[in-house]
Amino acid sequence: MLLTGSDNERPMPQCKTKDLDHPNVPDFGKGSSIFVASKEEQDMGWYTCWNAPLDGMVTAASVTWTGSGTFYPWQICFDWDKENSLVSICKAATGITLNNGESVDLSCETGDATECHIIS
């Protein structure tokens, strides 16, 4: 993922992940949710996005699928350690599918909660 933070900052802050993957765990199955809450996650592909200075928001996101098979992106929710910061929710257009090496830009907006929750 390539994430862009607050549009109030100049230059706009960005960070990039690489091959997000928990070894021996199917991370991206149908309807799956992944919660990232520990420092160990940095070594599982979060790289410059781990505690990145995005100023408590994601205003743009691009996702590139590097796994096998087809990925059906739907929604990514980001929440923050900062008190009272609202979540950022980034969504793909309905019906988008990605094969290895393909990318999609997501539409991002501020949610109305301070924490991401599992959405079924």
PDB file of N, CA and C in Angstrom:
ATOM      1  N   MET A   1       0.842  -1.173   0.000  1.00  0.00           N
ATOM      2  CA  MET A   1       0.000   0.000   0.000  1.00  0.00           C
ATOM      3  C   MET A   1       0.888   1.238   0.000  1.00  0.00           C
ATOM      4  N   LEU A   2       0.417   2.245  -0.641  1.00  0.00           N
ATOM      5  CA  LEU A   2       0.993   3.578  -0.551  1.00  0.00           C
ATOM      6  C   LEU A   2      -0.084   4.437   0.086  1.00  0.00           C
ATOM      7  N   LEU A   3       0.213   4.997   1.250  1.00  0.00           N
ATOM      8  CA  LEU A   3      -0.762   5.790   1.995  1.00  0.00           C
ATOM      9  C   LEU A   3      -0.330   7.243   2.035  1.00  0.00           C
ATOM     10  N   THR A   4      -1.290   8.144   1.877  1.00  0.00           N
ATOM     11  CA  THR A   4      -1.047   9.576   1.985  1.00  0.00           C
ATOM     12  C   THR A   4      -1.831  10.082   3.179  1.00  0.00           C
ATOM     13  N   GLY A   5      -1.172  10.885   4.011  1.00  0.00           N
ATOM     14  CA  GLY A   5      -1.795  11.387   5.228  1.00  0.00           C
ATOM     15  C   GLY A   5      -2.483  12.721   5.032  1.00  0.00           C
ATOM     16  N   SER A   6      -2.446  13.516   6.066  1.00  0.00           N
ATOM     17  CA  SER A   6      -3.171  14.778   6.132  1.00  0.00           C
ATOM     18  C   SER A   6      -2.858  15.703   4.962  1.00  0.00           C
ATOM     19  N   ASP A   7      -3.921  16.264   4.380  1.00  0.00           N
ATOM     20  CA  ASP A   7      -3.716  17.241   3.315  1.00  0.00           C
ATOM     21  C   ASP A   7      -3.480  18.641   3.886  1.00  0.00           C
ATOM     22  N   ASN A   8      -3.381  18.737   5.226  1.00  0.00           N
ATOM     23  CA  ASN A   8      -3.040  20.007   5.880  1.00  0.00           C
ATOM     24  C   ASN A   8      -1.529  20.190   5.974  1.00  0.00           C
ATOM     25  N   GLU A   9      -0.762  19.150   5.715  1.00  0.00           N
ATOM     26  CA  GLU A   9       0.693  19.181   5.801  1.00  0.00           C
ATOM     27  C   GLU A   9       1.291  19.397   4.424  1.00  0.00           C
ATOM     28  N   ARG A  10       2.418  20.100   4.347  1.00  0.00           N
ATOM     29  CA  ARG A  10       3.159  20.262   3.098  1.00  0.00           C
ATOM     30  C   ARG A  10       4.618  19.960   3.365  1.00  0.00           C
ATOM     31  N   PRO A  11       5.237  19.071   2.660  1.00  0.00           N
ATOM     32  CA  PRO A  11       4.591  18.191   1.696  1.00  0.00           C
ATOM     33  C   PRO A  11       3.672  17.192   2.411  1.00  0.00           C
ATOM     34  N   MET A  12       2.707  16.674   1.673  1.00  0.00           N
ATOM     35  CA  MET A  12       1.783  15.713   2.268  1.00  0.00           C
ATOM     36  C   MET A  12       2.554  14.463   2.678  1.00  0.00           C
ATOM     37  N   PRO A  13       2.381  13.990   3.921  1.00  0.00           N
ATOM     38  CA  PRO A  13       3.126  12.818   4.383  1.00  0.00           C
ATOM     39  C   PRO A  13       2.664  11.540   3.684  1.00  0.00           C
ATOM     40  N   GLN A  14       3.617  10.668   3.366  1.00  0.00           N
ATOM     41  CA  GLN A  14       3.305   9.383   2.744  1.00  0.00           C
ATOM     42  C   GLN A  14       4.126   8.286   3.410  1.00  0.00           C
ATOM     43  N   CYS A  15       3.630   7.068   3.283  1.00  0.00           N
ATOM     44  CA  CYS A  15       4.375   5.896   3.723  1.00  0.00           C
ATOM     45  C   CYS A  15       4.033   4.746   2.789  1.00  0.00           C
ATOM     46  N   LYS A  16       4.857   3.704   2.842  1.00  0.00           N
ATOM     47  CA  LYS A  16       4.648   2.567   1.947  1.00  0.00           C
ATOM     48  C   LYS A  16       4.884   1.263   2.707  1.00  0.00           C
ATOM     49  N   THR A  17       3.988   0.308   2.475  1.00  0.00           N
ATOM     50  CA  THR A  17       4.164  -1.040   3.018  1.00  0.00           C
ATOM     51  C   THR A  17       4.793  -1.905   1.934  1.00  0.00           C
ATOM     52  N   LYS A  18       5.189  -3.115   2.324  1.00  0.00           N
ATOM     53  CA  LYS A  18       5.732  -4.049   1.337  1.00  0.00           C
ATOM     54  C   LYS A  18       5.341  -5.461   1.734  1.00  0.00           C
ATOM     55  N   ASP A  19       4.576  -6.116   0.874  1.00  0.00           N
ATOM     56  CA  ASP A  19       4.224  -7.529   1.068  1.00  0.00           C
ATOM     57  C   ASP A  19       3.717  -7.830   2.475  1.00  0.00           C
ATOM     58  N   LEU A  20       2.634  -7.186   2.874  1.00  0.00           N
ATOM     59  CA  LEU A  20       2.039  -7.464   4.185  1.00  0.00           C
ATOM     60  C   LEU A  20       1.715  -8.947   4.282  1.00  0.00           C
ATOM     61  N   ASP A  21       2.285  -9.602   5.277  1.00  0.00           N
ATOM     62  CA  ASP A  21       2.098 -11.049   5.358  1.00  0.00           C
ATOM     63  C   ASP A  21       2.462 -11.558   6.735  1.00  0.00           C
ATOM     64  N   HIS A  22       1.542 -12.283   7.360  1.00  0.00           N
ATOM     65  CA  HIS A  22       1.831 -13.022   8.590  1.00  0.00           C
ATOM     66  C   HIS A  22       2.257 -14.418   8.157  1.00  0.00           C
ATOM     67  N   PRO A  23       3.482 -14.829   8.445  1.00  0.00           N
ATOM     68  CA  PRO A  23       3.950 -16.146   8.001  1.00  0.00           C
ATOM     69  C   PRO A  23       3.008 -17.275   8.427  1.00  0.00           C
ATOM     70  N   ASN A  24       2.707 -18.165   7.494  1.00  0.00           N
ATOM     71  CA  ASN A  24       1.896 -19.358   7.738  1.00  0.00           C
ATOM     72  C   ASN A  24       0.453 -19.068   8.150  1.00  0.00           C
ATOM     73  N   VAL A  25      -0.043 -17.861   7.851  1.00  0.00           N
ATOM     74  CA  VAL A  25      -1.421 -17.496   8.163  1.00  0.00           C
ATOM     75  C   VAL A  25      -2.043 -16.904   6.900  1.00  0.00           C
ATOM     76  N   PRO A  26      -3.225 -17.389   6.470  1.00  0.00           N
ATOM     77  CA  PRO A  26      -3.876 -16.781   5.307  1.00  0.00           C
ATOM     78  C   PRO A  26      -4.486 -15.426   5.692  1.00  0.00           C
ATOM     79  N   ASP A  27      -3.788 -14.355   5.363  1.00  0.00           N
ATOM     80  CA  ASP A  27      -4.200 -13.010   5.769  1.00  0.00           C
ATOM     81  C   ASP A  27      -5.403 -12.467   5.006  1.00  0.00           C
ATOM     82  N   PHE A  28      -5.525 -12.797   3.741  1.00  0.00           N
ATOM     83  CA  PHE A  28      -6.471 -12.099   2.889  1.00  0.00           C
ATOM     84  C   PHE A  28      -7.517 -13.024   2.294  1.00  0.00           C
ATOM     85  N   GLY A  29      -8.189 -13.792   3.138  1.00  0.00           N
ATOM     86  CA  GLY A  29      -9.264 -14.657   2.683  1.00  0.00           C
ATOM     87  C   GLY A  29     -10.565 -13.882   2.572  1.00  0.00           C
ATOM     88  N   LYS A  30     -11.570 -14.518   2.006  1.00  0.00           N
ATOM     89  CA  LYS A  30     -12.883 -13.889   1.826  1.00  0.00           C
ATOM     90  C   LYS A  30     -13.431 -13.414   3.170  1.00  0.00           C
ATOM     91  N   GLY A  31     -13.761 -12.129   3.231  1.00  0.00           N
ATOM     92  CA  GLY A  31     -14.352 -11.554   4.432  1.00  0.00           C
ATOM     93  C   GLY A  31     -13.396 -11.408   5.599  1.00  0.00           C
ATOM     94  N   SER A  32     -12.089 -11.490   5.353  1.00  0.00           N
ATOM     95  CA  SER A  32     -11.137 -11.453   6.457  1.00  0.00           C
ATOM     96  C   SER A  32     -10.916 -10.040   6.981  1.00  0.00           C
ATOM     97  N   SER A  33     -10.515  -9.968   8.235  1.00  0.00           N
ATOM     98  CA  SER A  33     -10.128  -8.719   8.888  1.00  0.00           C
ATOM     99  C   SER A  33      -8.776  -8.937   9.537  1.00  0.00           C
ATOM    100  N   ILE A  34      -7.927  -7.940   9.449  1.00  0.00           N
ATOM    101  CA  ILE A  34      -6.598  -8.011  10.067  1.00  0.00           C
ATOM    102  C   ILE A  34      -6.471  -6.826  11.002  1.00  0.00           C
ATOM    103  N   PHE A  35      -6.086  -7.096  12.235  1.00  0.00           N
ATOM    104  CA  PHE A  35      -5.862  -6.032  13.200  1.00  0.00           C
ATOM    105  C   PHE A  35      -4.375  -5.966  13.495  1.00  0.00           C
ATOM    106  N   VAL A  36      -3.804  -4.786  13.354  1.00  0.00           N
ATOM    107  CA  VAL A  36      -2.379  -4.590  13.570  1.00  0.00           C
ATOM    108  C   VAL A  36      -2.227  -3.758  14.826  1.00  0.00           C
ATOM    109  N   ALA A  37      -1.638  -4.347  15.853  1.00  0.00           N
ATOM    110  CA  ALA A  37      -1.557  -3.618  17.111  1.00  0.00           C
ATOM    111  C   ALA A  37      -0.210  -3.730  17.809  1.00  0.00           C
ATOM    112  N   SER A  38       0.716  -4.453  17.261  1.00  0.00           N
ATOM    113  CA  SER A  38       1.967  -4.652  17.984  1.00  0.00           C
ATOM    114  C   SER A  38       3.179  -4.257  17.146  1.00  0.00           C
ATOM    115  N   LYS A  39       4.266  -3.950  17.825  1.00  0.00           N
ATOM    116  CA  LYS A  39       5.513  -3.556  17.175  1.00  0.00           C
ATOM    117  C   LYS A  39       6.013  -4.642  16.229  1.00  0.00           C
ATOM    118  N   GLU A  40       5.733  -5.907  16.539  1.00  0.00           N
ATOM    119  CA  GLU A  40       6.171  -7.016  15.692  1.00  0.00           C
ATOM    120  C   GLU A  40       5.610  -6.905  14.273  1.00  0.00           C
ATOM    121  N   GLU A  41       4.487  -6.229  14.126  1.00  0.00           N
ATOM    122  CA  GLU A  41       3.871  -6.064  12.813  1.00  0.00           C
ATOM    123  C   GLU A  41       4.788  -5.311  11.845  1.00  0.00           C
ATOM    124  N   GLN A  42       5.658  -4.476  12.372  1.00  0.00           N
ATOM    125  CA  GLN A  42       6.564  -3.721  11.511  1.00  0.00           C
ATOM    126  C   GLN A  42       7.378  -4.667  10.642  1.00  0.00           C
ATOM    127  N   ASP A  43       7.752  -5.812  11.184  1.00  0.00           N
ATOM    128  CA  ASP A  43       8.548  -6.779  10.435  1.00  0.00           C
ATOM    129  C   ASP A  43       7.711  -7.626   9.487  1.00  0.00           C
ATOM    130  N   MET A  44       6.404  -7.440   9.477  1.00  0.00           N
ATOM    131  CA  MET A  44       5.526  -8.205   8.599  1.00  0.00           C
ATOM    132  C   MET A  44       5.027  -7.351   7.451  1.00  0.00           C
ATOM    133  N   GLY A  45       5.795  -6.347   7.088  1.00  0.00           N
ATOM    134  CA  GLY A  45       5.507  -5.574   5.901  1.00  0.00           C
ATOM    135  C   GLY A  45       5.065  -4.137   6.102  1.00  0.00           C
ATOM    136  N   TRP A  46       4.909  -3.676   7.327  1.00  0.00           N
ATOM    137  CA  TRP A  46       4.426  -2.307   7.534  1.00  0.00           C
ATOM    138  C   TRP A  46       5.507  -1.256   7.286  1.00  0.00           C
ATOM    139  N   TYR A  47       6.743  -1.607   7.430  1.00  0.00           N
ATOM    140  CA  TYR A  47       7.884  -0.735   7.140  1.00  0.00           C
ATOM    141  C   TYR A  47       7.630   0.720   7.502  1.00  0.00           C
ATOM    142  N   THR A  48       7.659   1.632   6.533  1.00  0.00           N
ATOM    143  CA  THR A  48       7.567   3.058   6.860  1.00  0.00           C
ATOM    144  C   THR A  48       6.170   3.478   7.320  1.00  0.00           C
ATOM    145  N   CYS A  49       5.185   2.596   7.210  1.00  0.00           N
ATOM    146  CA  CYS A  49       3.841   2.939   7.674  1.00  0.00           C
ATOM    147  C   CYS A  49       3.635   2.642   9.159  1.00  0.00           C
ATOM    148  N   TRP A  50       4.552   1.908   9.785  1.00  0.00           N
ATOM    149  CA  TRP A  50       4.401   1.641  11.213  1.00  0.00           C
ATOM    150  C   TRP A  50       4.641   2.947  11.964  1.00  0.00           C
ATOM    151  N   ASN A  51       3.613   3.457  12.621  1.00  0.00           N
ATOM    152  CA  ASN A  51       3.653   4.724  13.343  1.00  0.00           C
ATOM    153  C   ASN A  51       4.094   5.884  12.454  1.00  0.00           C
ATOM    154  N   ALA A  52       3.730   5.845  11.199  1.00  0.00           N
ATOM    155  CA  ALA A  52       4.083   6.918  10.262  1.00  0.00           C
ATOM    156  C   ALA A  52       3.394   8.225  10.660  1.00  0.00           C
ATOM    157  N   PRO A  53       4.047   9.350  10.423  1.00  0.00           N
ATOM    158  CA  PRO A  53       3.462  10.650  10.786  1.00  0.00           C
ATOM    159  C   PRO A  53       2.437  11.122   9.755  1.00  0.00           C
ATOM    160  N   LEU A  54       1.317  10.420   9.675  1.00  0.00           N
ATOM    161  CA  LEU A  54       0.270  10.765   8.713  1.00  0.00           C
ATOM    162  C   LEU A  54      -0.713  11.784   9.285  1.00  0.00           C
ATOM    163  N   ASP A  55      -0.433  12.269  10.486  1.00  0.00           N
ATOM    164  CA  ASP A  55      -1.252  13.271  11.169  1.00  0.00           C
ATOM    165  C   ASP A  55      -2.665  12.764  11.456  1.00  0.00           C
ATOM    166  N   GLY A  56      -2.778  11.477  11.759  1.00  0.00           N
ATOM    167  CA  GLY A  56      -4.060  10.916  12.188  1.00  0.00           C
ATOM    168  C   GLY A  56      -5.101  10.784  11.107  1.00  0.00           C
ATOM    169  N   MET A  57      -4.681  10.659   9.847  1.00  0.00           N
ATOM    170  CA  MET A  57      -5.662  10.440   8.789  1.00  0.00           C
ATOM    171  C   MET A  57      -4.997   9.873   7.545  1.00  0.00           C
ATOM    172  N   VAL A  58      -5.796   9.138   6.776  1.00  0.00           N
ATOM    173  CA  VAL A  58      -5.373   8.663   5.457  1.00  0.00           C
ATOM    174  C   VAL A  58      -6.319   9.326   4.468  1.00  0.00           C
ATOM    175  N   THR A  59      -5.765  10.148   3.574  1.00  0.00           N
ATOM    176  CA  THR A  59      -6.589  10.857   2.596  1.00  0.00           C
ATOM    177  C   THR A  59      -6.561  10.184   1.232  1.00  0.00           C
ATOM    178  N   ALA A  60      -5.574   9.300   1.014  1.00  0.00           N
ATOM    179  CA  ALA A  60      -5.474   8.567  -0.252  1.00  0.00           C
ATOM    180  C   ALA A  60      -4.730   7.263   0.000  1.00  0.00           C
ATOM    181  N   ALA A  61      -5.116   6.227  -0.736  1.00  0.00           N
ATOM    182  CA  ALA A  61      -4.459   4.927  -0.601  1.00  0.00           C
ATOM    183  C   ALA A  61      -4.451   4.221  -1.946  1.00  0.00           C
ATOM    184  N   SER A  62      -3.341   3.574  -2.218  1.00  0.00           N
ATOM    185  CA  SER A  62      -3.217   2.744  -3.411  1.00  0.00           C
ATOM    186  C   SER A  62      -2.767   1.365  -2.944  1.00  0.00           C
ATOM    187  N   VAL A  63      -3.406   0.330  -3.464  1.00  0.00           N
ATOM    188  CA  VAL A  63      -3.096  -1.043  -3.083  1.00  0.00           C
ATOM    189  C   VAL A  63      -2.604  -1.801  -4.306  1.00  0.00           C
ATOM    190  N   THR A  64      -1.503  -2.512  -4.141  1.00  0.00           N
ATOM    191  CA  THR A  64      -0.985  -3.393  -5.191  1.00  0.00           C
ATOM    192  C   THR A  64      -0.983  -4.807  -4.644  1.00  0.00           C
ATOM    193  N   TRP A  65      -1.607  -5.736  -5.369  1.00  0.00           N
ATOM    194  CA  TRP A  65      -1.669  -7.138  -4.943  1.00  0.00           C
ATOM    195  C   TRP A  65      -0.400  -7.842  -5.392  1.00  0.00           C
ATOM    196  N   THR A  66       0.313  -8.455  -4.440  1.00  0.00           N
ATOM    197  CA  THR A  66       1.545  -9.180  -4.772  1.00  0.00           C
ATOM    198  C   THR A  66       1.436 -10.660  -4.432  1.00  0.00           C
ATOM    199  N   GLY A  67       0.252 -11.105  -4.053  1.00  0.00           N
ATOM    200  CA  GLY A  67       0.055 -12.506  -3.705  1.00  0.00           C
ATOM    201  C   GLY A  67      -0.382 -13.330  -4.902  1.00  0.00           C
ATOM    202  N   SER A  68      -0.622 -14.608  -4.640  1.00  0.00           N
ATOM    203  CA  SER A  68      -1.129 -15.483  -5.698  1.00  0.00           C
ATOM    204  C   SER A  68      -2.647 -15.387  -5.746  1.00  0.00           C
ATOM    205  N   GLY A  69      -3.217 -15.842  -6.837  1.00  0.00           N
ATOM    206  CA  GLY A  69      -4.667 -15.824  -6.977  1.00  0.00           C
ATOM    207  C   GLY A  69      -5.194 -14.418  -7.204  1.00  0.00           C
ATOM    208  N   THR A  70      -6.486 -14.252  -6.977  1.00  0.00           N
ATOM    209  CA  THR A  70      -7.168 -12.981  -7.192  1.00  0.00           C
ATOM    210  C   THR A  70      -7.555 -12.379  -5.850  1.00  0.00           C
ATOM    211  N   PHE A  71      -7.324 -11.080  -5.711  1.00  0.00           N
ATOM    212  CA  PHE A  71      -7.662 -10.342  -4.493  1.00  0.00           C
ATOM    213  C   PHE A  71      -8.876  -9.468  -4.788  1.00  0.00           C
ATOM    214  N   TYR A  72      -9.846  -9.483  -3.892  1.00  0.00           N
ATOM    215  CA  TYR A  72     -11.058  -8.696  -4.017  1.00  0.00           C
ATOM    216  C   TYR A  72     -11.046  -7.611  -2.938  1.00  0.00           C
ATOM    217  N   PRO A  73     -10.406  -6.477  -3.202  1.00  0.00           N
ATOM    218  CA  PRO A  73     -10.340  -5.447  -2.159  1.00  0.00           C
ATOM    219  C   PRO A  73     -11.722  -4.850  -1.920  1.00  0.00           C
ATOM    220  N   TRP A  74     -11.999  -4.526  -0.677  1.00  0.00           N
ATOM    221  CA  TRP A  74     -13.287  -3.929  -0.368  1.00  0.00           C
ATOM    222  C   TRP A  74     -13.092  -2.667   0.456  1.00  0.00           C
ATOM    223  N   GLN A  75     -12.605  -2.849   1.688  1.00  0.00           N
ATOM    224  CA  GLN A  75     -12.508  -1.711   2.595  1.00  0.00           C
ATOM    225  C   GLN A  75     -11.325  -1.894   3.527  1.00  0.00           C
ATOM    226  N   ILE A  76     -10.620  -0.799   3.777  1.00  0.00           N
ATOM    227  CA  ILE A  76      -9.533  -0.791   4.749  1.00  0.00           C
ATOM    228  C   ILE A  76      -9.826   0.334   5.724  1.00  0.00           C
ATOM    229  N   CYS A  77      -9.761   0.021   7.006  1.00  0.00           N
ATOM    230  CA  CYS A  77     -10.008   1.004   8.055  1.00  0.00           C
ATOM    231  C   CYS A  77      -8.721   1.228   8.831  1.00  0.00           C
ATOM    232  N   PHE A  78      -8.389   2.478   9.079  1.00  0.00           N
ATOM    233  CA  PHE A  78      -7.200   2.838   9.846  1.00  0.00           C
ATOM    234  C   PHE A  78      -7.641   3.619  11.075  1.00  0.00           C
ATOM    235  N   ASP A  79      -7.166   3.191  12.266  1.00  0.00           N
ATOM    236  CA  ASP A  79      -7.398   3.999  13.455  1.00  0.00           C
ATOM    237  C   ASP A  79      -6.055   4.347  14.076  1.00  0.00           C
ATOM    238  N   TRP A  80      -6.086   5.195  15.090  1.00  0.00           N
ATOM    239  CA  TRP A  80      -4.866   5.837  15.568  1.00  0.00           C
ATOM    240  C   TRP A  80      -4.720   5.727  17.068  1.00  0.00           C
ATOM    241  N   ASP A  81      -3.486   5.898  17.542  1.00  0.00           N
ATOM    242  CA  ASP A  81      -3.224   5.971  18.974  1.00  0.00           C
ATOM    243  C   ASP A  81      -3.616   7.329  19.538  1.00  0.00           C
ATOM    244  N   LYS A  82      -3.722   8.318  18.671  1.00  0.00           N
ATOM    245  CA  LYS A  82      -4.062   9.668  19.107  1.00  0.00           C
ATOM    246  C   LYS A  82      -5.489   9.698  19.634  1.00  0.00           C
ATOM    247  N   GLU A  83      -5.660  10.262  20.807  1.00  0.00           N
ATOM    248  CA  GLU A  83      -6.980  10.347  21.412  1.00  0.00           C
ATOM    249  C   GLU A  83      -7.906  11.216  20.565  1.00  0.00           C
ATOM    250  N   ASN A  84      -9.115  10.768  20.387  1.00  0.00           N
ATOM    251  CA  ASN A  84     -10.169  11.487  19.665  1.00  0.00           C
ATOM    252  C   ASN A  84      -9.940  11.616  18.160  1.00  0.00           C
ATOM    253  N   SER A  85      -8.975  10.902  17.604  1.00  0.00           N
ATOM    254  CA  SER A  85      -8.794  10.914  16.148  1.00  0.00           C
ATOM    255  C   SER A  85      -9.795   9.952  15.520  1.00  0.00           C
ATOM    256  N   LEU A  86     -10.516  10.423  14.527  1.00  0.00           N
ATOM    257  CA  LEU A  86     -11.502   9.577  13.865  1.00  0.00           C
ATOM    258  C   LEU A  86     -10.815   8.640  12.876  1.00  0.00           C
ATOM    259  N   VAL A  87     -11.421   7.492  12.638  1.00  0.00           N
ATOM    260  CA  VAL A  87     -10.866   6.511  11.707  1.00  0.00           C
ATOM    261  C   VAL A  87     -10.860   7.066  10.290  1.00  0.00           C
ATOM    262  N   SER A  88      -9.987   6.505   9.469  1.00  0.00           N
ATOM    263  CA  SER A  88     -10.003   6.753   8.027  1.00  0.00           C
ATOM    264  C   SER A  88     -10.445   5.457   7.372  1.00  0.00           C
ATOM    265  N   ILE A  89     -11.405   5.546   6.454  1.00  0.00           N
ATOM    266  CA  ILE A  89     -11.930   4.373   5.771  1.00  0.00           C
ATOM    267  C   ILE A  89     -11.678   4.547   4.283  1.00  0.00           C
ATOM    268  N   CYS A  90     -10.973   3.578   3.702  1.00  0.00           N
ATOM    269  CA  CYS A  90     -10.641   3.627   2.282  1.00  0.00           C
ATOM    270  C   CYS A  90     -11.322   2.449   1.601  1.00  0.00           C
ATOM    271  N   LYS A  91     -12.031   2.731   0.495  1.00  0.00           N
ATOM    272  CA  LYS A  91     -12.819   1.703  -0.175  1.00  0.00           C
ATOM    273  C   LYS A  91     -12.461   1.601  -1.650  1.00  0.00           C
ATOM    274  N   ALA A  92     -12.551   0.380  -2.154  1.00  0.00           N
ATOM    275  CA  ALA A  92     -12.402   0.129  -3.591  1.00  0.00           C
ATOM    276  C   ALA A  92     -13.793   0.182  -4.220  1.00  0.00           C
ATOM    277  N   ALA A  93     -13.839   0.466  -5.497  1.00  0.00           N
ATOM    278  CA  ALA A  93     -15.108   0.434  -6.218  1.00  0.00           C
ATOM    279  C   ALA A  93     -15.660  -0.994  -6.203  1.00  0.00           C
ATOM    280  N   THR A  94     -16.960  -1.138  -6.189  1.00  0.00           N
ATOM    281  CA  THR A  94     -17.610  -2.439  -6.191  1.00  0.00           C
ATOM    282  C   THR A  94     -17.165  -3.261  -7.401  1.00  0.00           C
ATOM    283  N   GLY A  95     -16.836  -4.522  -7.154  1.00  0.00           N
ATOM    284  CA  GLY A  95     -16.494  -5.437  -8.237  1.00  0.00           C
ATOM    285  C   GLY A  95     -15.039  -5.420  -8.670  1.00  0.00           C
ATOM    286  N   ILE A  96     -14.207  -4.600  -8.035  1.00  0.00           N
ATOM    287  CA  ILE A  96     -12.785  -4.547  -8.397  1.00  0.00           C
ATOM    288  C   ILE A  96     -12.104  -5.844  -7.984  1.00  0.00           C
ATOM    289  N   THR A  97     -11.285  -6.386  -8.860  1.00  0.00           N
ATOM    290  CA  THR A  97     -10.450  -7.549  -8.544  1.00  0.00           C
ATOM    291  C   THR A  97      -9.027  -7.237  -8.974  1.00  0.00           C
ATOM    292  N   LEU A  98      -8.071  -7.797  -8.254  1.00  0.00           N
ATOM    293  CA  LEU A  98      -6.661  -7.596  -8.572  1.00  0.00           C
ATOM    294  C   LEU A  98      -5.963  -8.940  -8.709  1.00  0.00           C
ATOM    295  N   ASN A  99      -5.169  -9.075  -9.736  1.00  0.00           N
ATOM    296  CA  ASN A  99      -4.277 -10.214  -9.889  1.00  0.00           C
ATOM    297  C   ASN A  99      -2.858  -9.739  -9.587  1.00  0.00           C
ATOM    298  N   ASN A 100      -1.928 -10.650  -9.439  1.00  0.00           N
ATOM    299  CA  ASN A 100      -0.561 -10.319  -9.060  1.00  0.00           C
ATOM    300  C   ASN A 100      -0.019  -9.163  -9.896  1.00  0.00           C
ATOM    301  N   GLY A 101       0.478  -8.130  -9.216  1.00  0.00           N
ATOM    302  CA  GLY A 101       1.077  -6.977  -9.868  1.00  0.00           C
ATOM    303  C   GLY A 101       0.112  -5.867 -10.225  1.00  0.00           C
ATOM    304  N   GLU A 102      -1.194  -6.085 -10.062  1.00  0.00           N
ATOM    305  CA  GLU A 102      -2.182  -5.059 -10.391  1.00  0.00           C
ATOM    306  C   GLU A 102      -2.446  -4.159  -9.182  1.00  0.00           C
ATOM    307  N   SER A 103      -2.816  -2.896  -9.464  1.00  0.00           N
ATOM    308  CA  SER A 103      -3.054  -1.903  -8.416  1.00  0.00           C
ATOM    309  C   SER A 103      -4.416  -1.251  -8.574  1.00  0.00           C
ATOM    310  N   VAL A 104      -4.879  -0.656  -7.480  1.00  0.00           N
ATOM    311  CA  VAL A 104      -6.108   0.127  -7.507  1.00  0.00           C
ATOM    312  C   VAL A 104      -5.958   1.279  -6.512  1.00  0.00           C
ATOM    313  N   ASP A 105      -6.488   2.439  -6.884  1.00  0.00           N
ATOM    314  CA  ASP A 105      -6.566   3.570  -5.968  1.00  0.00           C
ATOM    315  C   ASP A 105      -7.880   3.479  -5.218  1.00  0.00           C
ATOM    316  N   LEU A 106      -7.825   3.677  -3.915  1.00  0.00           N
ATOM    317  CA  LEU A 106      -9.008   3.606  -3.076  1.00  0.00           C
ATOM    318  C   LEU A 106      -9.528   5.006  -2.781  1.00  0.00           C
ATOM    319  N   SER A 107     -10.796   5.111  -2.523  1.00  0.00           N
ATOM    320  CA  SER A 107     -11.429   6.359  -2.130  1.00  0.00           C
ATOM    321  C   SER A 107     -11.454   6.399  -0.603  1.00  0.00           C
ATOM    322  N   CYS A 108     -10.890   7.452  -0.002  1.00  0.00           N
ATOM    323  CA  CYS A 108     -10.761   7.518   1.456  1.00  0.00           C
ATOM    324  C   CYS A 108     -11.591   8.662   2.027  1.00  0.00           C
ATOM    325  N   GLU A 109     -12.140   8.414   3.212  1.00  0.00           N
ATOM    326  CA  GLU A 109     -12.907   9.437   3.924  1.00  0.00           C
ATOM    327  C   GLU A 109     -12.748   9.224   5.423  1.00  0.00           C
ATOM    328  N   THR A 110     -13.114  10.229   6.182  1.00  0.00           N
ATOM    329  CA  THR A 110     -13.077  10.139   7.634  1.00  0.00           C
ATOM    330  C   THR A 110     -14.365   9.490   8.110  1.00  0.00           C
ATOM    331  N   GLY A 111     -14.232   8.497   8.989  1.00  0.00           N
ATOM    332  CA  GLY A 111     -15.403   7.837   9.558  1.00  0.00           C
ATOM    333  C   GLY A 111     -15.934   8.596  10.754  1.00  0.00           C
ATOM    334  N   ASP A 112     -16.898   7.996  11.451  1.00  0.00           N
ATOM    335  CA  ASP A 112     -17.500   8.669  12.599  1.00  0.00           C
ATOM    336  C   ASP A 112     -17.172   7.995  13.924  1.00  0.00           C
ATOM    337  N   ALA A 113     -16.174   7.109  13.931  1.00  0.00           N
ATOM    338  CA  ALA A 113     -15.776   6.414  15.153  1.00  0.00           C
ATOM    339  C   ALA A 113     -14.281   6.640  15.388  1.00  0.00           C
ATOM    340  N   THR A 114     -13.809   6.289  16.577  1.00  0.00           N
ATOM    341  CA  THR A 114     -12.386   6.435  16.881  1.00  0.00           C
ATOM    342  C   THR A 114     -11.637   5.111  16.786  1.00  0.00           C
ATOM    343  N   GLU A 115     -12.353   3.994  16.566  1.00  0.00           N
ATOM    344  CA  GLU A 115     -11.729   2.684  16.429  1.00  0.00           C
ATOM    345  C   GLU A 115     -12.377   1.920  15.277  1.00  0.00           C
ATOM    346  N   CYS A 116     -11.568   1.114  14.594  1.00  0.00           N
ATOM    347  CA  CYS A 116     -12.093   0.245  13.559  1.00  0.00           C
ATOM    348  C   CYS A 116     -12.744  -0.966  14.219  1.00  0.00           C
ATOM    349  N   HIS A 117     -13.809  -1.450  13.630  1.00  0.00           N
ATOM    350  CA  HIS A 117     -14.511  -2.632  14.134  1.00  0.00           C
ATOM    351  C   HIS A 117     -14.706  -3.605  12.981  1.00  0.00           C
ATOM    352  N   ILE A 118     -14.862  -4.868  13.310  1.00  0.00           N
ATOM    353  CA  ILE A 118     -15.127  -5.870  12.284  1.00  0.00           C
ATOM    354  C   ILE A 118     -16.483  -5.574  11.647  1.00  0.00           C
ATOM    355  N   ILE A 119     -16.488  -5.522  10.337  1.00  0.00           N
ATOM    356  CA  ILE A 119     -17.731  -5.269   9.603  1.00  0.00           C
ATOM    357  C   ILE A 119     -18.092  -6.563   8.870  1.00  0.00           C
ATOM    358  N   SER A 120     -19.293  -7.034   9.097  1.00  0.00           N
ATOM    359  CA  SER A 120     -19.679  -8.288   8.439  1.00  0.00           C
ATOM    360  C   SER A 120     -20.666  -8.038   7.332  1.00  0.00           C
TER     361      SER A 120
END
